[in-house]
Protein backbone atom coordinates (compact mmCIF):
# COMPACT_ATOMS: atom_id res chain seq x y z
CA MET A 1 -4.20 -0.16 11.88
CA ALA A 2 -7.82 -0.89 12.59
CA ASP A 3 -10.27 -3.75 12.07
CA ASP A 4 -10.73 -5.53 8.77
CA ALA A 5 -13.56 -3.35 7.37
CA GLN A 6 -14.21 0.38 6.96
CA ARG A 7 -16.67 2.70 5.21
CA VAL A 8 -15.55 3.38 1.64
CA ASP A 9 -15.77 7.18 2.07
CA LYS A 10 -13.63 7.05 5.20
CA TRP A 11 -11.06 4.79 3.51
CA LEU A 12 -10.79 7.14 0.49
CA PHE A 13 -10.16 10.05 2.87
CA HIS A 14 -7.60 8.16 4.99
CA ALA A 15 -5.77 6.94 1.87
CA ARG A 16 -5.56 10.55 0.63
CA ILE A 17 -7.37 9.80 -2.62
CA VAL A 18 -9.56 12.86 -1.88
CA LYS A 19 -8.93 15.96 0.22
CA THR A 20 -12.04 15.83 2.41
CA ARG A 21 -14.49 13.24 3.62
CA THR A 22 -17.34 15.27 2.14
CA LEU A 23 -15.70 15.01 -1.29
CA ALA A 24 -15.34 11.26 -0.75
CA GLN A 25 -19.05 10.98 0.06
CA LYS A 26 -19.98 12.95 -3.07
CA LEU A 27 -17.67 10.82 -5.21
CA VAL A 28 -19.30 7.61 -3.99
CA ALA A 29 -22.88 8.95 -4.08
CA GLY A 30 -22.28 10.16 -7.64
CA GLY A 31 -21.50 6.62 -8.78
CA HIS A 32 -17.82 7.25 -9.46
CA VAL A 33 -16.54 4.39 -7.30
CA ARG A 34 -16.63 0.66 -7.95
CA VAL A 35 -15.80 -2.01 -5.39
CA ASN A 36 -14.80 -5.30 -7.00
CA ARG A 37 -16.45 -4.15 -10.27
CA ASP A 38 -19.76 -3.30 -8.55
CA LYS A 39 -20.78 0.36 -8.75
CA VAL A 40 -21.60 1.70 -5.27
CA HIS A 41 -23.71 4.71 -4.36
CA ASP A 42 -23.70 4.34 -0.57
CA PRO A 43 -20.78 6.05 1.22
CA ALA A 44 -21.37 3.68 4.17
CA ARG A 45 -20.55 0.61 2.03
CA LEU A 46 -17.90 -1.41 3.83
CA VAL A 47 -14.62 -2.25 2.13
CA ARG A 48 -12.14 -4.86 3.27
CA ILE A 49 -8.49 -5.72 2.74
CA GLY A 50 -8.16 -7.34 -0.67
CA ASP A 51 -11.01 -5.39 -2.31
CA THR A 52 -10.26 -3.67 -5.61
CA LEU A 53 -11.45 -0.09 -6.03
CA THR A 54 -11.93 1.71 -9.33
CA ILE A 55 -12.25 5.44 -8.75
CA ARG A 56 -13.19 7.77 -11.60
CA ARG A 57 -12.08 11.30 -10.90
CA GLU A 58 -12.36 14.40 -13.08
CA ARG A 59 -9.20 13.80 -15.09
CA ASP A 60 -8.14 10.24 -14.31
CA VAL A 61 -9.13 6.77 -13.20
CA ILE A 62 -7.45 5.08 -10.25
CA VAL A 63 -7.49 1.32 -9.84
CA CYS A 64 -6.08 0.09 -6.55
CA ARG A 65 -6.18 -2.89 -4.21
CA ILE A 66 -6.80 -2.25 -0.51
CA GLU A 67 -3.80 -3.48 1.49
CA ALA A 68 -4.68 -2.05 4.92
CA ILE A 69 -7.28 -0.13 6.92
CA ALA A 70 -6.29 2.96 8.94
CA GLU A 71 -7.89 4.50 12.02
CA ARG A 72 -6.89 8.04 11.08
CA ARG A 73 -5.68 10.14 8.17
CA GLY A 74 -1.91 10.14 8.49
CA PRO A 75 0.90 11.59 6.42
CA TYR A 76 1.32 10.62 2.78
CA ALA A 77 3.96 7.98 3.55
CA GLU A 78 1.49 6.14 5.83
CA ALA A 79 -1.46 6.63 3.48
CA ARG A 80 0.49 5.15 0.56
CA LEU A 81 0.80 1.87 2.47
CA LEU A 82 -2.99 1.47 2.49
CA TYR A 83 -3.20 0.49 -1.19
CA SER A 84 -1.29 -0.92 -4.13
CA GLY A 85 -1.76 -0.25 -7.80
CA PRO A 86 -0.35 -1.25 -11.16
CA GLY A 87 2.26 1.53 -11.12
CA ASP A 88 3.86 0.50 -7.83
CA ALA A 89 7.57 -0.08 -7.79
CA PRO A 90 8.75 -3.39 -6.26
CA GLN A 91 9.81 -3.09 -2.63
């Protein structure tokens, strides 16, 4: 795990919310991402552990809380540890 802050586009890519970093940048620039209820348009906006993201995709809306920051895009099992959401099962 890395430092306590990371670019929102990079975090979305590492958490496997989107398939490519370019798609993450377009999602943010298009105004489809909110950080703690504030709409962001800058892919370089820093997010931190504890921030809540609301991501509006084509067919759904994802609301998640950032639990960790990653240095790289890992397998799904690792990526799933980066965030928590309302549908998470207790561990």
